[in-house]
Amino acid sequence: LFLRDGSGDYILLSEYRDRVSVLKDAP
């Protein structure tokens, strides 16, 4: 449902669009 790689963040399942996130600058 969520993929983060070197090129950015991707939400891959449409039912989660605009509803999921992962913090950006929190190693």
PDB file of all heavy atoms in Angstrom:
ATOM      1  N   LEU A   1       0.826  -1.202   0.000  1.00  0.00           N
ATOM      2  CA  LEU A   1       0.000   0.000   0.000  1.00  0.00           C
ATOM      3  C   LEU A   1       0.861   1.253   0.000  1.00  0.00           C
ATOM      4  O   LEU A   1       0.453   2.284  -0.506  1.00  0.00           O
ATOM      5  CB  LEU A   1      -0.973  -0.011   1.177  1.00  0.00           C
ATOM      6  CG  LEU A   1      -0.472   0.249   2.592  1.00  0.00           C
ATOM      7  CD1 LEU A   1      -0.743   1.685   2.979  1.00  0.00           C
ATOM      8  CD2 LEU A   1      -1.178  -0.665   3.548  1.00  0.00           C
ATOM      9  N   PHE A   2       2.111   1.145   0.561  1.00  0.00           N
ATOM     10  CA  PHE A   2       2.991   2.316   0.620  1.00  0.00           C
ATOM     11  C   PHE A   2       4.403   1.892   0.273  1.00  0.00           C
ATOM     12  O   PHE A   2       4.881   0.869   0.762  1.00  0.00           O
ATOM     13  CB  PHE A   2       2.965   2.917   2.032  1.00  0.00           C
ATOM     14  CG  PHE A   2       3.836   4.137   2.207  1.00  0.00           C
ATOM     15  CD1 PHE A   2       3.321   5.412   2.023  1.00  0.00           C
ATOM     16  CD2 PHE A   2       5.182   4.015   2.546  1.00  0.00           C
ATOM     17  CE1 PHE A   2       4.133   6.536   2.179  1.00  0.00           C
ATOM     18  CE2 PHE A   2       5.998   5.129   2.695  1.00  0.00           C
ATOM     19  CZ  PHE A   2       5.458   6.398   2.509  1.00  0.00           C
ATOM     20  N   LEU A   3       5.052   2.666  -0.587  1.00  0.00           N
ATOM     21  CA  LEU A   3       6.447   2.391  -0.955  1.00  0.00           C
ATOM     22  C   LEU A   3       7.235   3.692  -0.886  1.00  0.00           C
ATOM     23  O   LEU A   3       6.806   4.718  -1.412  1.00  0.00           O
ATOM     24  CB  LEU A   3       6.535   1.814  -2.372  1.00  0.00           C
ATOM     25  CG  LEU A   3       7.944   1.716  -2.991  1.00  0.00           C
ATOM     26  CD1 LEU A   3       8.804   0.693  -2.260  1.00  0.00           C
ATOM     27  CD2 LEU A   3       7.858   1.367  -4.469  1.00  0.00           C
ATOM     28  N   ARG A   4       8.387   3.639  -0.205  1.00  0.00           N
ATOM     29  CA  ARG A   4       9.307   4.785  -0.215  1.00  0.00           C
ATOM     30  C   ARG A   4      10.633   4.269  -0.742  1.00  0.00           C
ATOM     31  O   ARG A   4      11.181   3.298  -0.231  1.00  0.00           O
ATOM     32  CB  ARG A   4       9.490   5.341   1.195  1.00  0.00           C
ATOM     33  CG  ARG A   4      10.592   6.423   1.272  1.00  0.00           C
ATOM     34  CD  ARG A   4      10.681   7.038   2.656  1.00  0.00           C
ATOM     35  NE  ARG A   4       9.525   7.906   2.912  1.00  0.00           N
ATOM     36  CZ  ARG A   4       9.243   8.423   4.114  1.00  0.00           C
ATOM     37  NH1 ARG A   4      10.005   8.147   5.155  1.00  0.00           N
ATOM     38  NH2 ARG A   4       8.185   9.203   4.272  1.00  0.00           N
ATOM     39  N   ASP A   5      11.144   4.924  -1.788  1.00  0.00           N
ATOM     40  CA  ASP A   5      12.483   4.585  -2.278  1.00  0.00           C
ATOM     41  C   ASP A   5      13.228   5.886  -2.561  1.00  0.00           C
ATOM     42  O   ASP A   5      12.771   6.954  -2.162  1.00  0.00           O
ATOM     43  CB  ASP A   5      12.420   3.659  -3.508  1.00  0.00           C
ATOM     44  CG  ASP A   5      11.724   4.302  -4.699  1.00  0.00           C
ATOM     45  OD1 ASP A   5      11.570   5.544  -4.719  1.00  0.00           O
ATOM     46  OD2 ASP A   5      11.335   3.562  -5.626  1.00  0.00           O
ATOM     47  N   GLY A   6      14.358   5.791  -3.254  1.00  0.00           N
ATOM     48  CA  GLY A   6      15.174   6.976  -3.502  1.00  0.00           C
ATOM     49  C   GLY A   6      14.446   8.074  -4.259  1.00  0.00           C
ATOM     50  O   GLY A   6      14.816   9.240  -4.190  1.00  0.00           O
ATOM     51  N   SER A   7      13.364   7.722  -4.983  1.00  0.00           N
ATOM     52  CA  SER A   7      12.707   8.736  -5.807  1.00  0.00           C
ATOM     53  C   SER A   7      11.462   9.338  -5.156  1.00  0.00           C
ATOM     54  O   SER A   7      10.853  10.241  -5.701  1.00  0.00           O
ATOM     55  CB  SER A   7      12.337   8.144  -7.172  1.00  0.00           C
ATOM     56  OG  SER A   7      11.373   7.121  -7.010  1.00  0.00           O
ATOM     57  N   GLY A   8      11.049   8.812  -3.994  1.00  0.00           N
ATOM     58  CA  GLY A   8       9.888   9.431  -3.340  1.00  0.00           C
ATOM     59  C   GLY A   8       8.977   8.436  -2.655  1.00  0.00           C
ATOM     60  O   GLY A   8       9.330   7.269  -2.465  1.00  0.00           O
ATOM     61  N   ASP A   9       7.785   8.939  -2.276  1.00  0.00           N
ATOM     62  CA  ASP A   9       6.772   8.126  -1.605  1.00  0.00           C
ATOM     63  C   ASP A   9       5.647   7.811  -2.581  1.00  0.00           C
ATOM     64  O   ASP A   9       5.208   8.691  -3.323  1.00  0.00           O
ATOM     65  CB  ASP A   9       6.162   8.899  -0.422  1.00  0.00           C
ATOM     66  CG  ASP A   9       7.147   9.076   0.727  1.00  0.00           C
ATOM     67  OD1 ASP A   9       8.291   8.594   0.609  1.00  0.00           O
ATOM     68  OD2 ASP A   9       6.775   9.708   1.733  1.00  0.00           O
ATOM     69  N   TYR A  10       5.167   6.572  -2.551  1.00  0.00           N
ATOM     70  CA  TYR A  10       4.100   6.153  -3.468  1.00  0.00           C
ATOM     71  C   TYR A  10       3.023   5.407  -2.695  1.00  0.00           C
ATOM     72  O   TYR A  10       3.332   4.525  -1.898  1.00  0.00           O
ATOM     73  CB  TYR A  10       4.653   5.237  -4.568  1.00  0.00           C
ATOM     74  CG  TYR A  10       5.766   5.905  -5.337  1.00  0.00           C
ATOM     75  CD1 TYR A  10       7.095   5.702  -4.966  1.00  0.00           C
ATOM     76  CD2 TYR A  10       5.497   6.779  -6.382  1.00  0.00           C
ATOM     77  CE1 TYR A  10       8.132   6.341  -5.625  1.00  0.00           C
ATOM     78  CE2 TYR A  10       6.525   7.428  -7.050  1.00  0.00           C
ATOM     79  CZ  TYR A  10       7.840   7.209  -6.673  1.00  0.00           C
ATOM     80  OH  TYR A  10       8.850   7.854  -7.316  1.00  0.00           O
ATOM     81  N   ILE A  11       1.760   5.780  -2.940  1.00  0.00           N
ATOM     82  CA  ILE A  11       0.632   5.046  -2.361  1.00  0.00           C
ATOM     83  C   ILE A  11       0.053   4.211  -3.493  1.00  0.00           C
ATOM     84  O   ILE A  11      -0.443   4.741  -4.482  1.00  0.00           O
ATOM     85  CB  ILE A  11      -0.391   6.017  -1.751  1.00  0.00           C
ATOM     86  CG1 ILE A  11       0.269   6.722  -0.549  1.00  0.00           C
ATOM     87  CG2 ILE A  11      -1.639   5.262  -1.295  1.00  0.00           C
ATOM     88  CD1 ILE A  11      -0.391   7.979  -0.121  1.00  0.00           C
ATOM     89  N   LEU A  12       0.164   2.889  -3.340  1.00  0.00           N
ATOM     90  CA  LEU A  12      -0.102   2.002  -4.473  1.00  0.00           C
ATOM     91  C   LEU A  12      -1.493   1.380  -4.468  1.00  0.00           C
ATOM     92  O   LEU A  12      -1.899   0.787  -5.448  1.00  0.00           O
ATOM     93  CB  LEU A  12       0.963   0.896  -4.521  1.00  0.00           C
ATOM     94  CG  LEU A  12       2.413   1.422  -4.564  1.00  0.00           C
ATOM     95  CD1 LEU A  12       3.401   0.281  -4.466  1.00  0.00           C
ATOM     96  CD2 LEU A  12       2.662   2.214  -5.837  1.00  0.00           C
ATOM     97  N   LEU A  13      -2.212   1.477  -3.362  1.00  0.00           N
ATOM     98  CA  LEU A  13      -3.584   0.946  -3.342  1.00  0.00           C
ATOM     99  C   LEU A  13      -4.543   2.125  -3.259  1.00  0.00           C
ATOM    100  O   LEU A  13      -4.458   2.933  -2.342  1.00  0.00           O
ATOM    101  CB  LEU A  13      -3.792  -0.001  -2.146  1.00  0.00           C
ATOM    102  CG  LEU A  13      -3.003  -1.315  -2.171  1.00  0.00           C
ATOM    103  CD1 LEU A  13      -3.241  -2.111  -0.888  1.00  0.00           C
ATOM    104  CD2 LEU A  13      -3.395  -2.160  -3.383  1.00  0.00           C
ATOM    105  N   SER A  14      -5.455   2.195  -4.229  1.00  0.00           N
ATOM    106  CA  SER A  14      -6.301   3.390  -4.350  1.00  0.00           C
ATOM    107  C   SER A  14      -7.151   3.661  -3.115  1.00  0.00           C
ATOM    108  O   SER A  14      -7.417   4.807  -2.781  1.00  0.00           O
ATOM    109  CB  SER A  14      -7.202   3.275  -5.577  1.00  0.00           C
ATOM    110  OG  SER A  14      -8.005   2.113  -5.467  1.00  0.00           O
ATOM    111  N   GLU A  15      -7.555   2.598  -2.373  1.00  0.00           N
ATOM    112  CA  GLU A  15      -8.423   2.864  -1.218  1.00  0.00           C
ATOM    113  C   GLU A  15      -7.686   3.581  -0.080  1.00  0.00           C
ATOM    114  O   GLU A  15      -8.302   4.039   0.872  1.00  0.00           O
ATOM    115  CB  GLU A  15      -9.102   1.581  -0.706  1.00  0.00           C
ATOM    116  CG  GLU A  15      -8.171   0.588  -0.034  1.00  0.00           C
ATOM    117  CD  GLU A  15      -7.822  -0.620  -0.898  1.00  0.00           C
ATOM    118  OE1 GLU A  15      -7.667  -0.451  -2.134  1.00  0.00           O
ATOM    119  OE2 GLU A  15      -7.700  -1.719  -0.349  1.00  0.00           O
ATOM    120  N   TYR A  16      -6.348   3.670  -0.182  1.00  0.00           N
ATOM    121  CA  TYR A  16      -5.576   4.375   0.850  1.00  0.00           C
ATOM    122  C   TYR A  16      -5.121   5.757   0.391  1.00  0.00           C
ATOM    123  O   TYR A  16      -4.463   6.469   1.137  1.00  0.00           O
ATOM    124  CB  TYR A  16      -4.342   3.554   1.240  1.00  0.00           C
ATOM    125  CG  TYR A  16      -4.686   2.302   2.005  1.00  0.00           C
ATOM    126  CD1 TYR A  16      -4.776   1.076   1.363  1.00  0.00           C
ATOM    127  CD2 TYR A  16      -4.930   2.344   3.370  1.00  0.00           C
ATOM    128  CE1 TYR A  16      -5.095  -0.082   2.060  1.00  0.00           C
ATOM    129  CE2 TYR A  16      -5.253   1.197   4.078  1.00  0.00           C
ATOM    130  CZ  TYR A  16      -5.340  -0.012   3.419  1.00  0.00           C
ATOM    131  OH  TYR A  16      -5.663  -1.136   4.108  1.00  0.00           O
ATOM    132  N   ARG A  17      -5.453   6.134  -0.841  1.00  0.00           N
ATOM    133  CA  ARG A  17      -4.975   7.423  -1.353  1.00  0.00           C
ATOM    134  C   ARG A  17      -5.469   8.565  -0.467  1.00  0.00           C
ATOM    135  O   ARG A  17      -6.612   8.569  -0.031  1.00  0.00           O
ATOM    136  CB  ARG A  17      -5.483   7.617  -2.801  1.00  0.00           C
ATOM    137  CG  ARG A  17      -4.578   8.577  -3.545  1.00  0.00           C
ATOM    138  CD  ARG A  17      -4.292   8.146  -4.964  1.00  0.00           C
ATOM    139  NE  ARG A  17      -3.420   6.987  -5.072  1.00  0.00           N
ATOM    140  CZ  ARG A  17      -3.507   6.114  -6.071  1.00  0.00           C
ATOM    141  NH1 ARG A  17      -4.406   6.242  -7.003  1.00  0.00           N
ATOM    142  NH2 ARG A  17      -2.669   5.104  -6.129  1.00  0.00           N
ATOM    143  N   ASP A  18      -4.587   9.514  -0.169  1.00  0.00           N
ATOM    144  CA  ASP A  18      -4.882  10.673   0.684  1.00  0.00           C
ATOM    145  C   ASP A  18      -5.177  10.294   2.135  1.00  0.00           C
ATOM    146  O   ASP A  18      -5.643  11.112   2.911  1.00  0.00           O
ATOM    147  CB  ASP A  18      -6.074  11.492   0.148  1.00  0.00           C
ATOM    148  CG  ASP A  18      -5.817  12.011  -1.254  1.00  0.00           C
ATOM    149  OD1 ASP A  18      -4.649  12.318  -1.560  1.00  0.00           O
ATOM    150  OD2 ASP A  18      -6.776  12.098  -2.039  1.00  0.00           O
ATOM    151  N   ARG A  19      -4.932   9.027   2.510  1.00  0.00           N
ATOM    152  CA  ARG A  19      -5.221   8.627   3.896  1.00  0.00           C
ATOM    153  C   ARG A  19      -4.005   8.105   4.634  1.00  0.00           C
ATOM    154  O   ARG A  19      -4.068   7.906   5.840  1.00  0.00           O
ATOM    155  CB  ARG A  19      -6.303   7.524   3.911  1.00  0.00           C
ATOM    156  CG  ARG A  19      -7.664   7.973   3.466  1.00  0.00           C
ATOM    157  CD  ARG A  19      -8.755   7.046   3.972  1.00  0.00           C
ATOM    158  NE  ARG A  19      -8.616   5.668   3.488  1.00  0.00           N
ATOM    159  CZ  ARG A  19      -8.673   4.610   4.271  1.00  0.00           C
ATOM    160  NH1 ARG A  19      -8.842   4.732   5.573  1.00  0.00           N
ATOM    161  NH2 ARG A  19      -8.559   3.398   3.760  1.00  0.00           N
ATOM    162  N   VAL A  20      -2.901   7.812   3.925  1.00  0.00           N
ATOM    163  CA  VAL A  20      -1.740   7.253   4.629  1.00  0.00           C
ATOM    164  C   VAL A  20      -0.491   8.106   4.436  1.00  0.00           C
ATOM    165  O   VAL A  20      -0.325   8.768   3.412  1.00  0.00           O
ATOM    166  CB  VAL A  20      -1.428   5.791   4.191  1.00  0.00           C
ATOM    167  CG1 VAL A  20      -2.575   4.867   4.527  1.00  0.00           C
ATOM    168  CG2 VAL A  20      -1.070   5.706   2.734  1.00  0.00           C
ATOM    169  N   SER A  21       0.376   8.076   5.455  1.00  0.00           N
ATOM    170  CA  SER A  21       1.644   8.799   5.361  1.00  0.00           C
ATOM    171  C   SER A  21       2.652   8.189   6.331  1.00  0.00           C
ATOM    172  O   SER A  21       2.283   7.496   7.278  1.00  0.00           O
ATOM    173  CB  SER A  21       1.438  10.278   5.703  1.00  0.00           C
ATOM    174  OG  SER A  21       1.014  10.400   7.042  1.00  0.00           O
ATOM    175  N   VAL A  22       3.927   8.465   6.047  1.00  0.00           N
ATOM    176  CA  VAL A  22       5.025   8.078   6.930  1.00  0.00           C
ATOM    177  C   VAL A  22       5.852   9.341   7.128  1.00  0.00           C
ATOM    178  O   VAL A  22       6.085  10.085   6.171  1.00  0.00           O
ATOM    179  CB  VAL A  22       5.897   6.956   6.296  1.00  0.00           C
ATOM    180  CG1 VAL A  22       7.119   6.670   7.159  1.00  0.00           C
ATOM    181  CG2 VAL A  22       5.078   5.690   6.086  1.00  0.00           C
ATOM    182  N   LEU A  23       6.282   9.611   8.376  1.00  0.00           N
ATOM    183  CA  LEU A  23       7.075  10.816   8.639  1.00  0.00           C
ATOM    184  C   LEU A  23       8.277  10.891   7.691  1.00  0.00           C
ATOM    185  O   LEU A  23       8.859   9.880   7.350  1.00  0.00           O
ATOM    186  CB  LEU A  23       7.587  10.814  10.082  1.00  0.00           C
ATOM    187  CG  LEU A  23       6.554  11.110  11.173  1.00  0.00           C
ATOM    188  CD1 LEU A  23       7.203  11.024  12.543  1.00  0.00           C
ATOM    189  CD2 LEU A  23       5.939  12.487  10.982  1.00  0.00           C
ATOM    190  N   LYS A  24       8.614  12.133   7.286  1.00  0.00           N
ATOM    191  CA  LYS A  24       9.719  12.313   6.332  1.00  0.00           C
ATOM    192  C   LYS A  24      11.097  12.322   7.000  1.00  0.00           C
ATOM    193  O   LYS A  24      11.929  11.501   6.725  1.00  0.00           O
ATOM    194  CB  LYS A  24       9.524  13.622   5.566  1.00  0.00           C
ATOM    195  CG  LYS A  24       8.512  13.524   4.438  1.00  0.00           C
ATOM    196  CD  LYS A  24       9.217  13.269   3.095  1.00  0.00           C
ATOM    197  CE  LYS A  24       8.310  13.516   1.905  1.00  0.00           C
ATOM    198  NZ  LYS A  24       7.119  12.648   1.855  1.00  0.00           N
ATOM    199  N   ASP A  25      11.330  13.279   7.885  1.00  0.00           N
ATOM    200  CA  ASP A  25      12.694  13.463   8.409  1.00  0.00           C
ATOM    201  C   ASP A  25      12.840  12.901   9.813  1.00  0.00           C
ATOM    202  O   ASP A  25      13.166  13.615  10.745  1.00  0.00           O
ATOM    203  CB  ASP A  25      13.063  14.951   8.394  1.00  0.00           C
ATOM    204  CG  ASP A  25      12.932  15.515   6.989  1.00  0.00           C
ATOM    205  OD1 ASP A  25      13.512  14.900   6.070  1.00  0.00           O
ATOM    206  OD2 ASP A  25      12.250  16.540   6.814  1.00  0.00           O
ATOM    207  N   ALA A  26      12.544  11.626   9.961  1.00  0.00           N
ATOM    208  CA  ALA A  26      12.640  10.991  11.278  1.00  0.00           C
ATOM    209  C   ALA A  26      13.402   9.686  11.115  1.00  0.00           C
ATOM    210  O   ALA A  26      12.802   8.630  10.974  1.00  0.00           O
ATOM    211  CB  ALA A  26      11.237  10.735  11.823  1.00  0.00           C
ATOM    212  N   PRO A  27      14.754   9.749  11.091  1.00  0.00           N
ATOM    213  CA  PRO A  27      15.547   8.540  10.851  1.00  0.00           C
ATOM    214  C   PRO A  27      15.168   7.415  11.816  1.00  0.00           C
ATOM    215  O   PRO A  27      15.115   7.637  13.023  1.00  0.00           O
ATOM    216  CB  PRO A  27      16.988   8.995  11.074  1.00  0.00           C
ATOM    217  CG  PRO A  27      16.957  10.483  10.892  1.00  0.00           C
ATOM    218  CD  PRO A  27      15.600  10.924  11.342  1.00  0.00           C
TER     219      PRO A  27
END
